[in-house]
């Protein structure tokens, strides 16, 4: 509650409202408003509600209990199987996104299968993808998507490190990318 007074003053000044005008709008005396802003009067719900209404702001904005969500994902890298993963999604379950860095290394593909659907996009380097009978190399800017029930493996080509994005849907969610509107979306 210590920051309420300065917040009240800042909001009032931003709106270019005088203490007298705010007093008239709220029915709270100028001296009480002044003491609230200077921290000499403890804010109460009975005082803050009319002020919030007068400024047309949520009560949370006055008391500072609501902090704007920081849109940055503060992911901590995880090392697994020689790779470094940065989770890019916050919520567990459903579609998951990761930035992955695979060091340069020669290794024999060890094909696996599991439920889900995967989408890969190469940021830098070259990524080897073995998918069933296919053995392909993806360069920077290339993408691949596949059902993970098909035997698969992906990793470094052995030429250098590779950075890629991985989107994985454990229940088989797929990425839907359209290059043009579907027939029902077009305006003819």
N, C-alpha and C. Protein backbone atom coordinates (compact mmCIF):
# COMPACT_ATOMS: atom_id res chain seq x y z
N UNK A 1 0.81 -1.20 0.00
CA UNK A 1 0.00 0.00 0.00
C UNK A 1 0.86 1.27 0.00
N UNK A 2 2.16 1.12 0.22
CA UNK A 2 3.03 2.29 0.31
C UNK A 2 3.07 3.07 -1.00
N UNK A 3 2.91 2.41 -2.12
CA UNK A 3 2.99 3.10 -3.41
C UNK A 3 1.69 3.71 -3.89
N UNK A 4 0.62 3.59 -3.10
CA UNK A 4 -0.69 4.08 -3.53
C UNK A 4 -0.69 5.60 -3.70
N UNK A 5 -0.15 6.32 -2.74
CA UNK A 5 -0.16 7.79 -2.79
C UNK A 5 0.49 8.34 -4.04
N UNK A 6 1.75 7.96 -4.32
CA UNK A 6 2.38 8.44 -5.56
C UNK A 6 1.61 8.02 -6.82
N UNK A 7 1.03 6.83 -6.80
CA UNK A 7 0.25 6.36 -7.94
C UNK A 7 -0.99 7.24 -8.14
N UNK A 8 -1.68 7.58 -7.03
CA UNK A 8 -2.85 8.45 -7.11
C UNK A 8 -2.47 9.80 -7.69
N UNK A 9 -1.37 10.37 -7.22
CA UNK A 9 -0.91 11.67 -7.72
C UNK A 9 -0.55 11.59 -9.20
N UNK A 10 0.18 10.54 -9.59
CA UNK A 10 0.59 10.39 -10.98
C UNK A 10 -0.63 10.29 -11.90
N UNK A 11 -1.60 9.47 -11.54
CA UNK A 11 -2.80 9.30 -12.37
C UNK A 11 -3.57 10.61 -12.47
N UNK A 12 -3.70 11.31 -11.36
CA UNK A 12 -4.43 12.58 -11.36
C UNK A 12 -3.72 13.60 -12.25
N UNK A 13 -2.41 13.69 -12.14
CA UNK A 13 -1.65 14.67 -12.94
C UNK A 13 -1.66 14.30 -14.42
N UNK A 14 -1.58 12.99 -14.72
CA UNK A 14 -1.64 12.55 -16.12
C UNK A 14 -2.95 12.98 -16.77
N UNK A 15 -4.01 12.99 -15.98
CA UNK A 15 -5.33 13.37 -16.48
C UNK A 15 -5.59 14.87 -16.38
N UNK A 16 -4.58 15.59 -15.85
CA UNK A 16 -4.66 17.04 -15.69
C UNK A 16 -5.91 17.45 -14.89
N UNK A 17 -6.10 16.76 -13.76
CA UNK A 17 -7.23 17.02 -12.86
C UNK A 17 -6.68 17.66 -11.59
N UNK A 18 -7.32 18.71 -11.14
CA UNK A 18 -6.91 19.35 -9.89
C UNK A 18 -7.50 18.59 -8.71
N UNK A 19 -6.93 18.82 -7.53
CA UNK A 19 -7.50 18.22 -6.32
C UNK A 19 -8.93 18.70 -6.11
N UNK A 20 -9.19 19.96 -6.41
CA UNK A 20 -10.54 20.52 -6.25
C UNK A 20 -11.53 19.80 -7.17
N UNK A 21 -11.16 19.61 -8.43
CA UNK A 21 -12.04 18.93 -9.38
C UNK A 21 -12.27 17.48 -8.97
N UNK A 22 -11.21 16.82 -8.49
CA UNK A 22 -11.35 15.43 -8.04
C UNK A 22 -12.24 15.36 -6.80
N UNK A 23 -12.10 16.34 -5.93
CA UNK A 23 -12.94 16.40 -4.73
C UNK A 23 -14.41 16.52 -5.11
N UNK A 24 -14.69 17.38 -6.08
CA UNK A 24 -16.08 17.55 -6.53
C UNK A 24 -16.63 16.28 -7.17
N UNK A 25 -15.77 15.57 -7.92
CA UNK A 25 -16.21 14.35 -8.60
C UNK A 25 -16.41 13.18 -7.64
N UNK A 26 -15.68 13.17 -6.53
CA UNK A 26 -15.72 12.01 -5.63
C UNK A 26 -16.47 12.26 -4.33
N UNK A 27 -16.60 13.53 -3.96
CA UNK A 27 -17.21 13.83 -2.66
C UNK A 27 -16.22 13.69 -1.51
N UNK A 28 -14.95 13.53 -1.82
CA UNK A 28 -13.90 13.40 -0.81
C UNK A 28 -13.25 14.78 -0.68
N UNK A 29 -12.99 15.22 0.55
CA UNK A 29 -12.42 16.55 0.75
C UNK A 29 -11.04 16.68 0.12
N UNK A 30 -10.69 17.92 -0.26
CA UNK A 30 -9.38 18.20 -0.85
C UNK A 30 -8.28 17.80 0.12
N UNK A 31 -8.47 18.08 1.42
CA UNK A 31 -7.42 17.76 2.39
C UNK A 31 -7.22 16.25 2.50
N UNK A 32 -8.30 15.47 2.45
CA UNK A 32 -8.17 14.01 2.51
C UNK A 32 -7.45 13.50 1.26
N UNK A 33 -7.82 14.03 0.09
CA UNK A 33 -7.15 13.62 -1.15
C UNK A 33 -5.67 13.95 -1.09
N UNK A 34 -5.33 15.12 -0.60
CA UNK A 34 -3.94 15.55 -0.49
C UNK A 34 -3.17 14.64 0.45
N UNK A 35 -3.78 14.30 1.59
CA UNK A 35 -3.11 13.40 2.55
C UNK A 35 -2.96 11.99 1.99
N UNK A 36 -3.93 11.52 1.19
CA UNK A 36 -3.80 10.21 0.53
C UNK A 36 -2.60 10.21 -0.41
N UNK A 37 -2.51 11.27 -1.23
CA UNK A 37 -1.42 11.34 -2.20
C UNK A 37 -0.05 11.47 -1.55
N UNK A 38 0.01 12.14 -0.41
CA UNK A 38 1.30 12.34 0.27
C UNK A 38 1.64 11.18 1.20
N UNK A 39 0.72 10.24 1.37
CA UNK A 39 0.96 9.09 2.23
C UNK A 39 0.67 9.34 3.70
N UNK A 40 0.07 10.46 4.02
CA UNK A 40 -0.26 10.78 5.41
C UNK A 40 -1.60 10.17 5.83
N UNK A 41 -2.37 9.70 4.89
CA UNK A 41 -3.65 9.07 5.17
C UNK A 41 -3.64 7.67 4.57
N UNK A 42 -4.03 6.69 5.37
CA UNK A 42 -4.07 5.30 4.90
C UNK A 42 -5.25 5.12 3.94
N UNK A 43 -4.99 4.59 2.73
CA UNK A 43 -6.08 4.40 1.77
C UNK A 43 -7.04 3.31 2.23
N UNK A 44 -8.31 3.55 2.02
CA UNK A 44 -9.33 2.55 2.33
C UNK A 44 -10.18 2.33 1.08
N UNK A 45 -10.92 1.26 1.08
CA UNK A 45 -11.78 0.95 -0.04
C UNK A 45 -12.80 2.06 -0.27
N UNK A 46 -13.33 2.63 0.83
CA UNK A 46 -14.33 3.69 0.72
C UNK A 46 -13.78 4.92 0.03
N UNK A 47 -12.47 5.15 0.13
CA UNK A 47 -11.84 6.30 -0.51
C UNK A 47 -11.38 5.96 -1.94
N UNK A 48 -10.87 4.76 -2.13
CA UNK A 48 -10.29 4.41 -3.42
C UNK A 48 -11.34 4.13 -4.50
N UNK A 49 -12.47 3.56 -4.12
CA UNK A 49 -13.50 3.24 -5.12
C UNK A 49 -14.00 4.49 -5.85
N UNK A 50 -14.38 5.58 -5.14
CA UNK A 50 -14.83 6.76 -5.89
C UNK A 50 -13.71 7.39 -6.73
N UNK A 51 -12.48 7.30 -6.27
CA UNK A 51 -11.36 7.85 -7.04
C UNK A 51 -11.17 7.04 -8.32
N UNK A 52 -11.24 5.72 -8.20
CA UNK A 52 -11.12 4.86 -9.38
C UNK A 52 -12.24 5.15 -10.37
N UNK A 53 -13.47 5.34 -9.87
CA UNK A 53 -14.60 5.67 -10.76
C UNK A 53 -14.37 7.02 -11.44
N UNK A 54 -13.92 8.01 -10.70
CA UNK A 54 -13.70 9.34 -11.26
C UNK A 54 -12.62 9.32 -12.36
N UNK A 55 -11.58 8.53 -12.16
CA UNK A 55 -10.50 8.44 -13.15
C UNK A 55 -10.81 7.41 -14.23
N UNK A 56 -11.86 6.64 -14.03
CA UNK A 56 -12.25 5.56 -14.96
C UNK A 56 -11.11 4.57 -15.16
N UNK A 57 -10.57 4.09 -14.03
CA UNK A 57 -9.52 3.07 -14.04
C UNK A 57 -9.93 1.94 -13.10
N UNK A 58 -9.43 0.74 -13.33
CA UNK A 58 -9.72 -0.34 -12.38
C UNK A 58 -9.04 -0.06 -11.04
N UNK A 59 -9.66 -0.52 -9.99
CA UNK A 59 -9.12 -0.35 -8.65
C UNK A 59 -7.70 -0.91 -8.56
N UNK A 60 -7.45 -2.00 -9.25
CA UNK A 60 -6.11 -2.62 -9.27
C UNK A 60 -5.03 -1.65 -9.70
N UNK A 61 -5.37 -0.74 -10.62
CA UNK A 61 -4.37 0.21 -11.10
C UNK A 61 -3.98 1.20 -10.00
N UNK A 62 -4.92 1.52 -9.13
CA UNK A 62 -4.63 2.45 -8.04
C UNK A 62 -3.77 1.81 -6.95
N UNK A 63 -4.07 0.57 -6.62
CA UNK A 63 -3.35 -0.07 -5.53
C UNK A 63 -2.11 -0.83 -6.00
N UNK A 64 -1.97 -0.98 -7.31
CA UNK A 64 -0.77 -1.60 -7.84
C UNK A 64 -0.72 -3.10 -7.67
N UNK A 65 -1.86 -3.74 -7.40
CA UNK A 65 -1.83 -5.20 -7.23
C UNK A 65 -1.77 -5.90 -8.57
N UNK A 66 -2.14 -5.20 -9.61
CA UNK A 66 -2.09 -5.80 -10.94
C UNK A 66 -0.86 -5.27 -11.64
N UNK A 67 0.07 -6.13 -11.94
CA UNK A 67 1.26 -5.74 -12.68
C UNK A 67 1.08 -6.22 -14.10
N UNK A 68 1.38 -5.38 -15.06
CA UNK A 68 1.24 -5.84 -16.44
C UNK A 68 2.13 -7.05 -16.67
N UNK A 69 1.58 -8.04 -17.34
CA UNK A 69 2.36 -9.23 -17.63
C UNK A 69 3.53 -8.87 -18.53
N UNK A 70 4.67 -9.37 -18.18
CA UNK A 70 5.85 -9.18 -18.99
C UNK A 70 5.73 -10.15 -20.16
N UNK A 71 5.70 -9.66 -21.39
CA UNK A 71 5.49 -10.56 -22.51
C UNK A 71 6.69 -11.44 -22.83
N UNK A 72 7.85 -11.11 -22.24
CA UNK A 72 9.03 -11.92 -22.55
C UNK A 72 8.94 -13.28 -21.87
N UNK A 73 9.34 -14.29 -22.58
CA UNK A 73 9.42 -15.63 -22.01
C UNK A 73 10.81 -15.76 -21.41
N UNK A 74 10.87 -15.92 -20.11
CA UNK A 74 12.17 -16.02 -19.43
C UNK A 74 12.49 -17.50 -19.22
N UNK A 75 12.95 -18.08 -20.29
CA UNK A 75 13.20 -19.52 -20.28
C UNK A 75 14.61 -19.82 -19.78
N UNK A 76 14.68 -20.85 -18.98
CA UNK A 76 15.98 -21.33 -18.54
C UNK A 76 16.36 -22.50 -19.43
N UNK A 77 17.56 -22.45 -20.01
CA UNK A 77 17.95 -23.55 -20.89
C UNK A 77 18.07 -24.87 -20.13
N UNK A 78 17.75 -25.93 -20.83
CA UNK A 78 17.83 -27.28 -20.27
C UNK A 78 18.74 -28.10 -21.18
N UNK A 79 19.66 -28.83 -20.58
CA UNK A 79 20.54 -29.71 -21.34
C UNK A 79 19.95 -31.11 -21.32
N UNK A 80 19.81 -31.70 -22.50
CA UNK A 80 19.29 -33.06 -22.57
C UNK A 80 19.90 -33.75 -23.78
N UNK A 81 20.57 -34.86 -23.54
CA UNK A 81 21.16 -35.64 -24.63
C UNK A 81 22.16 -34.86 -25.48
N UNK A 82 22.89 -33.94 -24.86
CA UNK A 82 23.86 -33.15 -25.60
C UNK A 82 23.29 -31.91 -26.26
N UNK A 83 21.98 -31.78 -26.27
CA UNK A 83 21.31 -30.62 -26.86
C UNK A 83 20.95 -29.62 -25.77
N UNK A 84 20.83 -28.36 -26.18
CA UNK A 84 20.35 -27.32 -25.28
C UNK A 84 18.98 -26.88 -25.76
N UNK A 85 18.00 -26.94 -24.87
CA UNK A 85 16.61 -26.57 -25.20
C UNK A 85 16.23 -25.32 -24.42
N UNK A 86 15.59 -24.36 -25.13
CA UNK A 86 14.99 -23.20 -24.48
C UNK A 86 13.49 -23.30 -24.69
N UNK A 87 12.71 -23.55 -23.64
CA UNK A 87 11.26 -23.60 -23.82
C UNK A 87 10.75 -22.20 -24.18
N UNK A 88 9.90 -22.12 -25.19
CA UNK A 88 9.34 -20.85 -25.64
C UNK A 88 7.86 -20.72 -25.30
N UNK A 89 7.32 -21.73 -24.65
CA UNK A 89 5.93 -21.67 -24.20
C UNK A 89 5.93 -21.83 -22.69
N UNK A 90 4.96 -21.22 -22.05
CA UNK A 90 4.91 -21.22 -20.58
C UNK A 90 4.03 -22.32 -20.01
N UNK A 91 2.93 -22.61 -20.67
CA UNK A 91 1.97 -23.55 -20.11
C UNK A 91 2.35 -24.99 -20.45
N UNK A 92 2.15 -25.89 -19.50
CA UNK A 92 2.43 -27.30 -19.77
C UNK A 92 1.32 -27.92 -20.60
N UNK A 93 1.64 -29.00 -21.30
CA UNK A 93 0.65 -29.69 -22.10
C UNK A 93 0.35 -28.93 -23.38
N UNK A 94 -0.37 -29.56 -24.28
CA UNK A 94 -0.70 -28.92 -25.53
C UNK A 94 0.53 -28.67 -26.39
N UNK A 95 0.39 -27.79 -27.34
CA UNK A 95 1.47 -27.48 -28.25
C UNK A 95 2.63 -26.82 -27.50
N UNK A 96 3.84 -27.35 -27.68
CA UNK A 96 5.02 -26.84 -27.01
C UNK A 96 6.02 -26.34 -28.05
N UNK A 97 6.69 -25.23 -27.74
CA UNK A 97 7.69 -24.68 -28.65
C UNK A 97 9.03 -24.61 -27.94
N UNK A 98 10.08 -24.93 -28.68
CA UNK A 98 11.44 -24.91 -28.14
C UNK A 98 12.41 -24.34 -29.17
N UNK A 99 13.40 -23.62 -28.70
CA UNK A 99 14.56 -23.33 -29.53
C UNK A 99 15.58 -24.37 -29.09
N UNK A 100 16.22 -25.01 -30.07
CA UNK A 100 17.15 -26.10 -29.77
C UNK A 100 18.49 -25.80 -30.44
N UNK A 101 19.56 -26.02 -29.70
CA UNK A 101 20.91 -25.93 -30.27
C UNK A 101 21.57 -27.29 -30.11
N UNK A 102 21.95 -27.83 -31.24
CA UNK A 102 22.62 -29.14 -31.28
C UNK A 102 24.07 -28.88 -31.67
N UNK A 103 25.04 -29.33 -30.86
CA UNK A 103 26.44 -29.10 -31.22
C UNK A 103 26.85 -29.95 -32.42
N UNK A 104 27.98 -29.62 -33.00
CA UNK A 104 28.52 -30.44 -34.09
C UNK A 104 28.91 -31.79 -33.51
N UNK A 105 28.36 -32.83 -34.08
CA UNK A 105 28.76 -34.18 -33.65
C UNK A 105 28.30 -35.20 -34.68
N UNK A 106 29.09 -36.25 -34.79
CA UNK A 106 28.74 -37.37 -35.67
C UNK A 106 28.06 -38.41 -34.82
N UNK A 107 26.90 -38.83 -35.26
CA UNK A 107 26.19 -39.86 -34.51
C UNK A 107 25.32 -40.68 -35.45
N UNK A 108 25.11 -41.89 -35.07
CA UNK A 108 24.24 -42.77 -35.84
C UNK A 108 22.79 -42.47 -35.46
N UNK A 109 21.92 -42.32 -36.44
CA UNK A 109 20.51 -42.09 -36.13
C UNK A 109 19.91 -43.24 -35.33
N UNK A 110 19.18 -42.89 -34.30
CA UNK A 110 18.47 -43.86 -33.46
C UNK A 110 16.99 -43.52 -33.58
N UNK A 111 16.31 -44.14 -34.54
CA UNK A 111 14.92 -43.80 -34.84
C UNK A 111 13.99 -44.17 -33.70
N UNK A 112 13.05 -43.25 -33.41
CA UNK A 112 12.07 -43.43 -32.34
C UNK A 112 10.68 -43.16 -32.87
N UNK A 113 9.68 -43.62 -32.15
CA UNK A 113 8.28 -43.29 -32.45
C UNK A 113 7.58 -42.95 -31.14
N UNK A 114 6.60 -42.09 -31.22
CA UNK A 114 5.75 -41.73 -30.07
C UNK A 114 4.55 -40.97 -30.58
N UNK A 115 3.57 -40.78 -29.74
CA UNK A 115 2.38 -40.01 -30.11
C UNK A 115 2.77 -38.56 -30.31
N UNK A 116 2.15 -37.92 -31.27
CA UNK A 116 2.34 -36.49 -31.44
C UNK A 116 2.59 -36.09 -32.87
N UNK A 117 2.88 -34.81 -33.01
CA UNK A 117 3.15 -34.22 -34.31
C UNK A 117 4.23 -33.18 -34.11
N UNK A 118 5.22 -33.14 -35.00
CA UNK A 118 6.35 -32.23 -34.82
C UNK A 118 6.53 -31.36 -36.06
N UNK A 119 6.94 -30.13 -35.79
CA UNK A 119 7.25 -29.17 -36.84
C UNK A 119 8.62 -28.60 -36.51
N UNK A 120 9.55 -28.62 -37.48
CA UNK A 120 10.91 -28.14 -37.28
C UNK A 120 11.20 -27.00 -38.25
N UNK A 121 11.90 -25.98 -37.77
CA UNK A 121 12.32 -24.87 -38.62
C UNK A 121 13.78 -24.58 -38.30
N UNK A 122 14.66 -24.63 -39.30
CA UNK A 122 16.09 -24.44 -39.09
C UNK A 122 16.42 -22.96 -39.13
N UNK A 123 17.04 -22.48 -38.05
CA UNK A 123 17.47 -21.09 -37.94
C UNK A 123 18.88 -20.89 -38.50
N UNK A 124 19.77 -21.79 -38.17
CA UNK A 124 21.17 -21.70 -38.61
C UNK A 124 21.76 -23.09 -38.65
N UNK A 125 22.68 -23.31 -39.59
CA UNK A 125 23.32 -24.61 -39.72
C UNK A 125 22.50 -25.53 -40.60
N UNK A 126 22.80 -26.83 -40.47
CA UNK A 126 22.09 -27.84 -41.27
C UNK A 126 21.64 -28.95 -40.33
N UNK A 127 20.38 -29.34 -40.49
CA UNK A 127 19.76 -30.35 -39.64
C UNK A 127 19.46 -31.60 -40.46
N UNK A 128 19.94 -32.72 -39.99
CA UNK A 128 19.65 -33.99 -40.66
C UNK A 128 18.38 -34.56 -40.06
N UNK A 129 17.46 -34.95 -40.93
CA UNK A 129 16.18 -35.54 -40.51
C UNK A 129 16.03 -36.89 -41.20
N UNK A 130 15.92 -37.93 -40.39
CA UNK A 130 15.62 -39.26 -40.91
C UNK A 130 14.19 -39.55 -40.51
N UNK A 131 13.34 -39.75 -41.51
CA UNK A 131 11.91 -39.95 -41.29
C UNK A 131 11.47 -41.15 -42.12
N UNK A 132 11.28 -42.28 -41.44
CA UNK A 132 10.95 -43.51 -42.16
C UNK A 132 12.07 -43.86 -43.11
N UNK A 133 11.76 -43.93 -44.41
CA UNK A 133 12.74 -44.25 -45.45
C UNK A 133 13.48 -43.02 -45.97
N UNK A 134 13.07 -41.84 -45.54
CA UNK A 134 13.67 -40.60 -46.04
C UNK A 134 14.82 -40.15 -45.15
N UNK A 135 15.88 -39.68 -45.78
CA UNK A 135 17.03 -39.11 -45.07
C UNK A 135 17.33 -37.79 -45.77
N UNK A 136 16.96 -36.68 -45.13
CA UNK A 136 17.09 -35.37 -45.76
C UNK A 136 17.89 -34.42 -44.87
N UNK A 137 18.44 -33.39 -45.49
CA UNK A 137 19.15 -32.35 -44.77
C UNK A 137 18.41 -31.04 -45.00
N UNK A 138 18.06 -30.38 -43.90
CA UNK A 138 17.37 -29.10 -43.96
C UNK A 138 18.38 -27.99 -43.70
N UNK A 139 18.36 -26.95 -44.54
CA UNK A 139 19.24 -25.80 -44.37
C UNK A 139 18.48 -24.69 -43.68
N UNK A 140 19.19 -23.63 -43.30
CA UNK A 140 18.56 -22.48 -42.65
C UNK A 140 17.41 -21.97 -43.51
N UNK A 141 16.26 -21.74 -42.85
CA UNK A 141 15.08 -21.26 -43.55
C UNK A 141 14.15 -22.36 -44.03
N UNK A 142 14.57 -23.61 -43.90
CA UNK A 142 13.71 -24.71 -44.33
C UNK A 142 12.98 -25.31 -43.13
N UNK A 143 11.82 -25.90 -43.42
CA UNK A 143 10.98 -26.47 -42.37
C UNK A 143 10.52 -27.86 -42.79
N UNK A 144 10.16 -28.64 -41.79
CA UNK A 144 9.59 -29.97 -42.02
C UNK A 144 8.54 -30.21 -40.95
N UNK A 145 7.54 -31.01 -41.31
CA UNK A 145 6.53 -31.41 -40.32
C UNK A 145 6.21 -32.87 -40.54
N UNK A 146 5.93 -33.56 -39.43
CA UNK A 146 5.68 -34.99 -39.55
C UNK A 146 4.95 -35.53 -38.33
N UNK A 147 4.30 -36.65 -38.56
CA UNK A 147 3.64 -37.40 -37.50
C UNK A 147 4.72 -38.20 -36.78
N UNK A 148 4.81 -38.05 -35.47
CA UNK A 148 5.89 -38.71 -34.71
C UNK A 148 5.66 -40.20 -34.51
N UNK A 149 4.56 -40.71 -35.02
CA UNK A 149 4.36 -42.17 -34.98
C UNK A 149 5.16 -42.85 -36.09
N UNK A 150 5.66 -42.03 -37.04
CA UNK A 150 6.57 -42.53 -38.08
C UNK A 150 7.96 -42.55 -37.45
N UNK A 151 8.72 -43.65 -37.60
CA UNK A 151 10.06 -43.69 -37.02
C UNK A 151 10.88 -42.49 -37.52
N UNK A 152 11.52 -41.78 -36.57
CA UNK A 152 12.23 -40.55 -36.94
C UNK A 152 13.41 -40.30 -36.02
N UNK A 153 14.30 -39.44 -36.52
CA UNK A 153 15.46 -38.96 -35.76
C UNK A 153 15.91 -37.68 -36.43
N UNK A 154 16.40 -36.73 -35.65
CA UNK A 154 17.00 -35.53 -36.23
C UNK A 154 18.15 -35.07 -35.36
N UNK A 155 19.15 -34.47 -36.02
CA UNK A 155 20.33 -34.00 -35.30
C UNK A 155 21.31 -33.35 -36.24
N UNK A 156 22.51 -33.12 -35.74
CA UNK A 156 23.57 -32.47 -36.50
C UNK A 156 23.99 -33.34 -37.68
N UNK A 157 24.38 -32.67 -38.75
CA UNK A 157 24.91 -33.40 -39.92
C UNK A 157 26.36 -33.82 -39.68
N UNK A 158 26.96 -33.28 -38.62
CA UNK A 158 28.37 -33.55 -38.35
C UNK A 158 29.26 -32.47 -38.93
N UNK A 159 28.68 -31.55 -39.73
CA UNK A 159 29.46 -30.47 -40.35
C UNK A 159 29.61 -29.27 -39.43
N UNK A 160 28.72 -29.13 -38.48
CA UNK A 160 28.75 -27.97 -37.58
C UNK A 160 27.52 -27.99 -36.69
N UNK A 161 27.42 -27.01 -35.79
CA UNK A 161 26.24 -26.96 -34.93
C UNK A 161 25.00 -26.54 -35.73
N UNK A 162 23.85 -26.79 -35.17
CA UNK A 162 22.59 -26.41 -35.82
C UNK A 162 21.65 -25.83 -34.77
N UNK A 163 20.98 -24.75 -35.14
CA UNK A 163 19.96 -24.12 -34.29
C UNK A 163 18.64 -24.28 -35.00
N UNK A 164 17.61 -24.72 -34.26
CA UNK A 164 16.30 -24.88 -34.89
C UNK A 164 15.19 -24.67 -33.88
N UNK A 165 14.02 -24.40 -34.42
CA UNK A 165 12.82 -24.31 -33.60
C UNK A 165 12.06 -25.61 -33.73
N UNK A 166 11.51 -26.07 -32.64
CA UNK A 166 10.72 -27.29 -32.64
C UNK A 166 9.37 -26.99 -32.01
N UNK A 167 8.31 -27.28 -32.74
CA UNK A 167 6.96 -27.19 -32.19
C UNK A 167 6.44 -28.61 -32.13
N UNK A 168 6.00 -29.00 -30.95
CA UNK A 168 5.57 -30.39 -30.76
C UNK A 168 4.21 -30.42 -30.10
N UNK A 169 3.31 -31.17 -30.72
CA UNK A 169 1.98 -31.38 -30.15
C UNK A 169 1.88 -32.82 -29.68
N UNK A 170 1.84 -33.06 -28.37
CA UNK A 170 1.83 -34.43 -27.87
C UNK A 170 0.58 -35.23 -28.23
N UNK A 171 -0.53 -34.55 -28.47
CA UNK A 171 -1.75 -35.26 -28.83
C UNK A 171 -2.00 -35.23 -30.33
N UNK A 172 -0.98 -34.87 -31.09
CA UNK A 172 -1.11 -34.87 -32.54
C UNK A 172 -1.58 -33.55 -33.10
N UNK A 173 -1.51 -32.47 -32.31
CA UNK A 173 -1.88 -31.17 -32.86
C UNK A 173 -0.96 -30.86 -34.03
N UNK A 174 -1.50 -30.26 -35.05
CA UNK A 174 -0.71 -29.91 -36.22
C UNK A 174 -0.67 -28.41 -36.39
N UNK A 175 0.39 -27.96 -37.00
CA UNK A 175 0.49 -26.56 -37.39
C UNK A 175 -0.32 -26.41 -38.66
N UNK A 176 -1.13 -25.39 -38.74
CA UNK A 176 -1.90 -25.12 -39.94
C UNK A 176 -1.41 -23.80 -40.52
N UNK A 177 -0.73 -23.90 -41.66
CA UNK A 177 -0.20 -22.72 -42.31
C UNK A 177 -0.89 -22.61 -43.66
N UNK A 178 -1.50 -21.46 -43.91
CA UNK A 178 -2.16 -21.25 -45.19
C UNK A 178 -1.37 -20.26 -46.01
N UNK A 179 -1.28 -20.53 -47.30
CA UNK A 179 -0.62 -19.58 -48.19
C UNK A 179 -1.64 -18.71 -48.89
N UNK A 180 -2.88 -19.15 -48.92
CA UNK A 180 -3.97 -18.35 -49.49
C UNK A 180 -5.26 -18.72 -48.76
N UNK A 181 -6.25 -17.84 -48.80
CA UNK A 181 -7.48 -18.13 -48.07
C UNK A 181 -8.18 -19.37 -48.60
N UNK A 182 -8.81 -20.09 -47.71
CA UNK A 182 -9.62 -21.24 -48.11
C UNK A 182 -10.81 -20.72 -48.91
N UNK A 183 -11.41 -21.57 -49.72
CA UNK A 183 -12.51 -21.16 -50.59
C UNK A 183 -13.63 -20.47 -49.81
N UNK A 184 -13.93 -20.95 -48.62
CA UNK A 184 -15.03 -20.37 -47.85
C UNK A 184 -14.67 -19.00 -47.26
N UNK A 185 -13.37 -18.68 -47.20
CA UNK A 185 -12.93 -17.39 -46.65
C UNK A 185 -12.83 -16.30 -47.71
N UNK A 186 -12.83 -16.69 -48.97
CA UNK A 186 -12.67 -15.70 -50.03
C UNK A 186 -13.94 -14.91 -50.24
N UNK A 187 -13.75 -13.66 -50.54
CA UNK A 187 -14.89 -12.79 -50.88
C UNK A 187 -14.95 -12.70 -52.41
N UNK A 188 -15.94 -13.27 -53.01
CA UNK A 188 -16.06 -13.23 -54.48
C UNK A 188 -17.07 -12.21 -54.91
